[in-house]
Each structure stands twice: as structure tokens, then as C-alpha cells.
Amino acid sequence: MTAKDKVLDLKRQIEESLTPLVDNDYVLLDLPYHSNLGDTLIWQGELDFLKKIPYKCKYSTWIRGGLSEIGKWLKQDTLLLFHGGGNFGDVWYEQNELRKRVIAMYPNYRSVIFPQTVYYSDEKNLQNDVAFYSKHPNVTICARDSRSFQLLRERFPKNRSILVPDMAFYMDLSQYKRNTNPKGSVFVKRDDIESKEELQYCDVPKDALVTDWRWLDNSKEYLRLSTWEKKEKLFSILNKVSHADVRNMFINKYWHHCLRPLNVKTAIEFIDQFERVFATRMHAALLAVILSKKDITLFDNSYGKSSSLYDTWFTDVDGFKMIR
């Protein structure tokens, strides 16, 4: 199967699985206000999907700010939608706990967690989450790979679980200018806790550009959010005058209208310039599929997230190879 045909098939599966779930106005939470471009691509796919749903987003924010504002936007049937990704479990423990905190704050509302990788290294952490979610049966958890889906079905029986492709595949590429003459090779090599250093990367050409794409940044200094976040005095004054969390309002708007589109454009333009893509960053390889690259190699991460996703959806894609 060609990469183009695979993307069309995955978009269809996303529509069939999620459209019945998003049946009312919603708030979109746990947005990725950080430098991981993969999470930004997921976010963009979520937004492009939600544009086709006949309901409105009443409010959206990240998990570390604006939580006190959520209740102002909730009516009886409002949905809580949580950003997908790879943080359901104990690898990114803080993120997992913050999401549970929000669910506990609004236990009477239906929640949908967009497609996630589910992984626990500690049985005690898994048992704690099973106990928590069993008290919140109105939470639907979407898994983006078959291993995660099986774990949810076996250990979280009180919650509805659904197998759904990664939301980055719903991105609309029509608004982006494409590279018509890609050349050379790139190796997008992660340098965080998910790296699997014992892997041999002998397949990567010696002349390949090696980088971790979370360090890509083509914004000028005055565009960087960190420059504005440091202006605590200014925000403190504005908060007092307006009796509102101006800082968080600014961060939300800045990510939505400036940093998110800039980061998506940066990721697409970066991958699109190369003919061959090698990656330990899962979404660098997935973006290569979305861009219909014909020579893609994905190396597994430390706990099998990438290989499980590959085995679930991509074994039949021409030119896409997995190394474990």
C-alpha cells in the first residue's frame, strides 16, 4: 500500500471512531505548550478533525494553567476532550497525574481522551490508575496501538476503550507549500528518556544530517514564548486591573495563533526537504508517511511505543521499515 493510500485509510478510521463520540460542544484540554513537534502535529490533526464536527470549542488550554477557568464554560452536556499522545501511564508521570486531577475536578462530565500510547513500568502505578478510572466510568480512553488497546480492555474494564489511529494523520496539508525536489537523508534522533541507546544505527548513511527536531526553532527572539513569560511584573499588574488570569489568556492565544502554526510549518518544511528519513522520533517518521516519502526507517524507542504503533497500522506501507 502506498503511503498516500494509508493516510486516507487512517483518516477514514479516525472519522468513523471519533465522530459519534464528539456529539456536543466541548472544551479541549492538555494542549502541548512545549517544544516536542510531534505533539504539535497531533494537536493540529485534532483541530483539523474537530473543524468537521458540527459543535463548538468553548475553551481550550494547557494542563498547567487555566484550570480554574474550565468550569465557566461547562454546561450540562459539554464534553471534556483531552489531547492525545504518549503520556498515559508512568513514563511522563506528571502529565498523567495532572490529567487525572482535571477529571476528578469535573466527575459528572463525559470525557474523551484522544488516542494515546498506554505504558506502565511500575505495577503499583497501573493499579492506582485502574482504581482512579474505575470511579470515572464516563471517561472514554482511545488507544493508538493494539498493545495499549489490549491493556485498556484487560485492566480498565469500567471505561470504554477504542482503537484509533494517531491524530496527526488527520492534518490537512493543503495549506502548506510542498518541496518538489527533496534530496539527501536526515536522521531525527531523540535525546530524552525514551531513547534506546543500545540500538545500532548502521543503516543511517554517514552523510545524513543528524538532529533532534525538538531543537528546531526558526522564530526570532521576540517571538519566543519564554521571552514573554518572564514579564511577571507586567502580567501581575494586568491581572490586578482586569481581575483575570491575563498571563494564561496570553499564553493560550500565543500558542494557538503564533507558535502552533509556526511549529507545524517548521516540522513539515524540515522533513519535506529530504528524500530519505531515518528517525527515533516516532512522529518524524509518521510525518514522512503523511508527506508520502518512499524511504522511511523508524528505530524503536525505549519501551516499544514506536514498534507497537508500526505493527498496528504500518506493516503494509511500501518503503516504511521498522528496526527494533
Protein backbone atom coordinates (compact mmCIF):
# COMPACT_ATOMS: atom_id res chain seq x y z
CA MET A 1 0.00 0.00 0.00
CA THR A 2 1.28 3.47 -0.81
CA ALA A 3 1.76 5.98 2.00
CA LYS A 4 -0.91 8.21 0.43
CA ASP A 5 -3.48 5.40 0.45
CA LYS A 6 -2.58 4.52 4.04
CA VAL A 7 -3.14 8.10 5.23
CA LEU A 8 -6.57 8.20 3.56
CA ASP A 9 -7.48 4.90 5.25
CA LEU A 10 -6.35 6.12 8.68
CA LYS A 11 -8.32 9.37 8.31
CA ARG A 12 -11.42 7.33 7.50
CA GLN A 13 -10.92 5.19 10.61
CA ILE A 14 -10.49 8.31 12.76
CA GLU A 15 -13.73 9.75 11.43
CA GLU A 16 -15.69 6.53 11.95
CA SER A 17 -14.40 6.07 15.51
CA LEU A 18 -14.48 9.59 16.90
CA THR A 19 -17.33 11.38 15.14
CA PRO A 20 -20.03 9.57 17.20
CA LEU A 21 -18.19 10.48 20.43
CA VAL A 22 -17.98 14.23 19.87
CA ASP A 23 -21.71 14.87 19.99
CA ASN A 24 -21.85 18.20 21.80
CA ASP A 25 -19.89 21.39 22.44
CA TYR A 26 -16.58 20.73 24.16
CA VAL A 27 -13.50 22.07 25.92
CA LEU A 28 -10.12 20.93 24.57
CA LEU A 29 -7.57 20.37 27.34
CA ASP A 30 -3.98 19.26 27.99
CA LEU A 31 -2.66 21.12 24.95
CA PRO A 32 1.09 20.66 24.28
CA TYR A 33 2.66 24.02 25.01
CA HIS A 34 6.20 22.69 24.69
CA SER A 35 8.94 22.05 22.13
CA ASN A 36 8.02 18.49 21.07
CA LEU A 37 6.95 18.96 17.46
CA GLY A 38 5.30 15.53 17.41
CA ASP A 39 2.75 16.65 19.98
CA THR A 40 2.12 19.81 17.98
CA LEU A 41 1.37 17.70 14.88
CA ILE A 42 -1.11 15.66 16.93
CA TRP A 43 -2.73 18.89 18.12
CA GLN A 44 -3.03 20.15 14.55
CA GLY A 45 -4.67 16.88 13.50
CA GLU A 46 -7.13 17.16 16.38
CA LEU A 47 -8.05 20.70 15.33
CA ASP A 48 -8.48 19.72 11.68
CA PHE A 49 -10.73 16.82 12.72
CA LEU A 50 -12.81 18.98 15.06
CA LYS A 51 -13.39 21.53 12.28
CA LYS A 52 -15.55 18.89 10.59
CA ILE A 53 -17.64 18.28 13.70
CA PRO A 54 -20.81 20.44 13.96
CA TYR A 55 -20.07 21.51 17.54
CA LYS A 56 -18.08 24.35 19.05
CA CYS A 57 -14.93 24.52 21.14
CA LYS A 58 -15.94 26.64 24.14
CA TYR A 59 -12.49 26.81 25.73
CA SER A 60 -9.03 25.30 25.33
CA THR A 61 -5.88 25.41 27.44
CA TRP A 62 -2.84 23.50 28.65
CA ILE A 63 -2.86 21.29 31.73
CA ARG A 64 -0.64 23.58 33.83
CA GLY A 65 -2.72 26.73 33.54
CA GLY A 66 -6.27 27.96 33.16
CA LEU A 67 -7.85 25.06 35.05
CA SER A 68 -9.89 27.41 37.21
CA GLU A 69 -11.47 28.80 34.05
CA ILE A 70 -12.79 25.46 32.76
CA GLY A 71 -15.90 25.44 34.92
CA LYS A 72 -17.08 28.75 33.48
CA TRP A 73 -17.52 27.13 30.07
CA LEU A 74 -19.24 23.91 31.12
CA LYS A 75 -22.92 23.32 30.57
CA GLN A 76 -24.77 20.11 31.32
CA ASP A 77 -23.70 18.22 28.17
CA THR A 78 -20.31 19.82 27.47
CA LEU A 79 -17.58 17.29 26.71
CA LEU A 80 -14.08 17.28 28.15
CA LEU A 81 -11.66 16.40 25.34
CA PHE A 82 -8.06 15.63 26.25
CA HIS A 83 -5.13 15.89 23.85
CA GLY A 84 -3.68 12.57 22.70
CA GLY A 85 -0.06 11.42 22.57
CA GLY A 86 2.21 9.18 24.61
CA ASN A 87 1.71 10.22 28.22
CA PHE A 88 -0.93 7.81 29.57
CA GLY A 89 0.96 5.84 32.19
CA ASP A 90 4.09 6.48 34.23
CA VAL A 91 6.75 7.44 31.66
CA TRP A 92 5.57 11.06 31.73
CA TYR A 93 4.10 10.75 35.21
CA GLU A 94 3.40 14.41 35.95
CA GLN A 95 1.32 14.85 32.81
CA ASN A 96 -0.68 11.73 33.60
CA GLU A 97 -1.43 12.93 37.13
CA LEU A 98 -2.48 16.41 36.01
CA ARG A 99 -5.00 14.93 33.56
CA LYS A 100 -6.48 12.82 36.37
CA ARG A 101 -6.71 15.94 38.51
CA VAL A 102 -8.89 17.65 35.91
CA ILE A 103 -11.12 14.59 35.51
CA ALA A 104 -11.56 14.49 39.30
CA MET A 105 -12.50 18.18 39.31
CA TYR A 106 -15.40 17.54 36.91
CA PRO A 107 -16.52 13.95 37.59
CA ASN A 108 -20.06 14.38 36.25
CA TYR A 109 -18.99 15.33 32.73
CA ARG A 110 -18.22 12.92 29.92
CA SER A 111 -14.57 12.85 28.93
CA VAL A 112 -12.79 11.57 25.83
CA ILE A 113 -9.02 11.08 25.82
CA PHE A 114 -7.76 11.26 22.24
CA PRO A 115 -5.52 8.39 21.02
CA GLN A 116 -2.75 7.57 23.47
CA THR A 117 0.07 5.11 23.96
CA VAL A 118 -0.55 3.42 27.32
CA TYR A 119 2.51 2.13 29.16
CA TYR A 120 3.45 1.42 32.80
CA SER A 121 6.83 0.36 34.12
CA ASP A 122 5.52 0.01 37.70
CA GLU A 123 2.57 -2.25 38.51
CA LYS A 124 1.66 -0.10 41.51
CA ASN A 125 1.20 2.95 39.29
CA LEU A 126 -1.00 0.91 36.98
CA GLN A 127 -3.13 -0.29 39.89
CA ASN A 128 -3.53 3.28 41.13
CA ASP A 129 -4.78 4.42 37.72
CA VAL A 130 -7.12 1.44 37.39
CA ALA A 131 -8.64 2.35 40.76
CA PHE A 132 -8.96 6.00 39.73
CA TYR A 133 -10.60 5.41 36.36
CA SER A 134 -12.95 2.76 37.75
CA LYS A 135 -14.52 5.63 39.72
CA HIS A 136 -14.90 7.62 36.49
CA PRO A 137 -16.70 5.28 34.06
CA ASN A 138 -17.81 8.21 31.90
CA VAL A 139 -14.22 8.58 30.60
CA THR A 140 -13.60 7.06 27.16
CA ILE A 141 -9.93 6.25 26.52
CA CYS A 142 -8.66 5.96 22.95
CA ALA A 143 -5.58 3.82 22.29
CA ARG A 144 -3.43 4.46 19.23
CA ASP A 145 -1.85 0.98 19.10
CA SER A 146 -3.05 -2.57 19.67
CA ARG A 147 -0.83 -3.22 22.71
CA SER A 148 -2.25 -0.18 24.51
CA PHE A 149 -5.77 -1.17 23.47
CA GLN A 150 -5.36 -4.66 24.90
CA LEU A 151 -4.05 -3.28 28.19
CA LEU A 152 -7.03 -0.92 28.46
CA ARG A 153 -9.53 -3.69 27.75
CA GLU A 154 -7.97 -6.02 30.32
CA ARG A 155 -7.16 -3.60 33.15
CA PHE A 156 -9.66 -0.72 32.70
CA PRO A 157 -12.93 -2.66 32.19
CA LYS A 158 -15.13 0.09 33.66
CA ASN A 159 -14.10 2.52 30.90
CA ARG A 160 -14.94 2.39 27.23
CA SER A 161 -11.77 1.88 25.18
CA ILE A 162 -11.40 2.35 21.41
CA LEU A 163 -8.53 1.68 19.00
CA VAL A 164 -7.97 4.84 16.92
CA PRO A 165 -5.02 5.93 14.72
CA ASP A 166 -2.73 8.74 15.83
CA MET A 167 -4.46 12.10 15.31
CA ALA A 168 -1.53 13.59 13.37
CA PHE A 169 -2.86 11.67 10.37
CA TYR A 170 -5.86 13.98 10.21
CA MET A 171 -3.73 17.03 9.44
CA ASP A 172 -4.82 19.00 6.37
CA LEU A 173 -1.69 19.56 4.27
CA SER A 174 -3.42 21.58 1.56
CA GLN A 175 -2.37 24.91 3.11
CA TYR A 176 1.36 24.10 3.11
CA LYS A 177 3.78 24.58 0.24
CA ARG A 178 5.49 21.29 -0.66
CA ASN A 179 9.10 20.65 -1.63
CA THR A 180 9.19 19.32 -5.20
CA ASN A 181 12.88 18.38 -5.17
CA PRO A 182 13.80 16.58 -1.91
CA LYS A 183 17.42 15.50 -1.54
CA GLY A 184 19.64 13.58 0.87
CA SER A 185 18.93 11.93 4.20
CA VAL A 186 18.05 13.04 7.71
CA PHE A 187 18.30 11.14 11.00
CA VAL A 188 15.94 12.61 13.60
CA LYS A 189 17.48 11.21 16.79
CA ARG A 190 15.78 11.84 20.13
CA ASP A 191 17.88 12.72 23.18
CA ASP A 192 15.43 12.24 26.04
CA ILE A 193 14.35 9.42 28.38
CA GLU A 194 12.69 7.49 25.55
CA SER A 195 15.89 6.97 23.57
CA LYS A 196 17.03 3.35 23.13
CA GLU A 197 20.79 3.71 23.06
CA GLU A 198 21.56 0.02 22.64
CA LEU A 199 20.20 0.11 19.09
CA GLN A 200 22.70 0.09 16.24
CA TYR A 201 22.14 2.77 13.63
CA CYS A 202 24.27 1.23 10.90
CA ASP A 203 21.51 1.74 8.32
CA VAL A 204 21.84 5.51 8.59
CA PRO A 205 24.05 6.97 5.81
CA LYS A 206 27.24 8.64 7.01
CA ASP A 207 26.32 11.86 5.21
CA ALA A 208 22.86 12.10 6.83
CA LEU A 209 22.02 15.21 8.81
CA VAL A 210 21.64 14.15 12.47
CA THR A 211 19.44 16.24 14.76
CA ASP A 212 16.69 16.03 17.36
CA TRP A 213 13.85 18.03 15.90
CA ARG A 214 12.63 19.34 19.23
CA TRP A 215 15.51 21.82 18.96
CA LEU A 216 14.30 23.20 15.64
CA ASP A 217 13.39 26.83 16.10
CA ASN A 218 13.12 29.36 13.32
CA SER A 219 11.39 32.02 15.41
CA LYS A 220 13.05 35.30 16.26
CA GLU A 221 13.80 36.09 19.90
CA TYR A 222 10.79 38.39 20.28
CA LEU A 223 8.51 35.56 19.05
CA ARG A 224 9.63 33.04 21.66
CA LEU A 225 7.10 32.47 24.40
CA SER A 226 9.83 32.32 27.05
CA THR A 227 10.62 35.96 26.32
CA TRP A 228 7.08 36.95 27.27
CA GLU A 229 6.65 34.52 30.15
CA LYS A 230 9.44 36.30 32.03
CA LYS A 231 7.47 39.54 32.15
CA GLU A 232 5.94 38.64 35.51
CA LYS A 233 5.58 42.28 36.66
CA LEU A 234 3.59 43.22 33.60
CA PHE A 235 1.24 40.26 33.94
CA SER A 236 0.84 40.85 37.68
CA ILE A 237 -0.33 44.40 37.04
CA LEU A 238 -2.69 43.33 34.26
CA ASN A 239 -4.15 40.56 36.44
CA LYS A 240 -4.98 43.05 39.20
CA VAL A 241 -6.52 45.56 36.81
CA SER A 242 -8.63 43.05 34.90
CA HIS A 243 -9.37 40.59 37.76
CA ALA A 244 -8.48 37.75 35.38
CA ASP A 245 -5.55 35.45 34.62
CA VAL A 246 -4.16 37.60 31.81
CA ARG A 247 -0.92 35.64 31.67
CA ASN A 248 -2.70 32.37 30.89
CA MET A 249 -5.04 34.09 28.42
CA PHE A 250 -1.97 35.44 26.62
CA ILE A 251 -0.23 32.04 26.62
CA ASN A 252 -3.34 30.36 25.16
CA LYS A 253 -3.70 32.93 22.37
CA TYR A 254 0.03 32.96 21.64
CA TRP A 255 0.25 29.20 21.23
CA HIS A 256 -2.93 28.98 19.16
CA HIS A 257 -2.23 31.81 16.75
CA CYS A 258 1.57 32.05 16.65
CA LEU A 259 3.62 29.12 17.97
CA ARG A 260 1.39 26.19 16.93
CA PRO A 261 1.15 27.15 13.22
CA LEU A 262 4.82 28.13 13.20
CA ASN A 263 5.90 24.77 14.69
CA VAL A 264 3.71 22.73 12.32
CA LYS A 265 5.09 24.63 9.33
CA THR A 266 8.65 24.16 10.64
CA ALA A 267 8.21 20.39 11.03
CA ILE A 268 6.65 19.93 7.59
CA GLU A 269 9.23 22.04 5.79
CA PHE A 270 12.08 20.31 7.61
CA ILE A 271 11.06 16.71 6.81
CA ASP A 272 9.85 17.57 3.32
CA GLN A 273 13.30 18.70 2.15
CA PHE A 274 14.75 15.17 2.49
CA GLU A 275 14.37 12.14 0.24
CA ARG A 276 15.17 9.57 2.94
CA VAL A 277 14.04 9.80 6.58
CA PHE A 278 15.55 7.87 9.50
CA ALA A 279 14.13 8.53 12.96
CA THR A 280 13.94 7.52 16.57
CA ARG A 281 11.35 10.28 16.90
CA MET A 282 8.14 8.46 16.04
CA HIS A 283 6.36 11.48 14.63
CA ALA A 284 9.24 12.37 12.36
CA ALA A 285 8.63 9.00 10.67
CA LEU A 286 4.85 9.42 10.76
CA LEU A 287 5.15 12.85 9.19
CA ALA A 288 7.28 11.26 6.47
CA VAL A 289 4.37 8.87 5.81
CA ILE A 290 1.92 11.78 5.73
CA LEU A 291 4.22 13.53 3.23
CA SER A 292 4.33 10.35 1.10
CA LYS A 293 8.06 9.74 1.45
CA LYS A 294 9.13 6.47 -0.16
CA ASP A 295 12.12 5.60 2.04
CA ILE A 296 11.42 5.72 5.80
CA THR A 297 13.19 3.90 8.65
CA LEU A 298 11.87 4.08 12.21
CA PHE A 299 14.00 2.88 15.14
CA ASP A 300 12.16 1.75 18.26
CA ASN A 301 12.06 3.79 21.48
CA SER A 302 12.96 2.56 24.97
CA TYR A 303 9.65 0.82 25.78
CA GLY A 304 8.34 -0.27 22.39
CA LYS A 305 5.93 2.59 21.71
CA SER A 306 7.09 3.01 18.13
CA SER A 307 7.19 -0.70 17.21
CA SER A 308 3.72 -1.29 18.67
CA LEU A 309 2.27 1.55 16.62
CA TYR A 310 4.09 0.31 13.50
CA ASP A 311 2.80 -3.25 14.00
CA THR A 312 -0.76 -1.97 14.42
CA TRP A 313 -1.01 0.22 11.33
CA PHE A 314 2.04 0.27 9.03
CA THR A 315 3.35 -3.20 8.19
CA ASP A 316 1.78 -2.93 4.73
CA VAL A 317 3.16 0.52 3.80
CA ASP A 318 5.61 0.50 0.91
CA GLY A 319 9.11 1.72 1.82
CA PHE A 320 8.45 2.01 5.59
CA LYS A 321 10.84 -0.12 7.68
CA MET A 322 10.93 -0.76 11.45
CA ILE A 323 14.14 -1.56 13.38
CA ARG A 324 13.74 -2.84 16.96
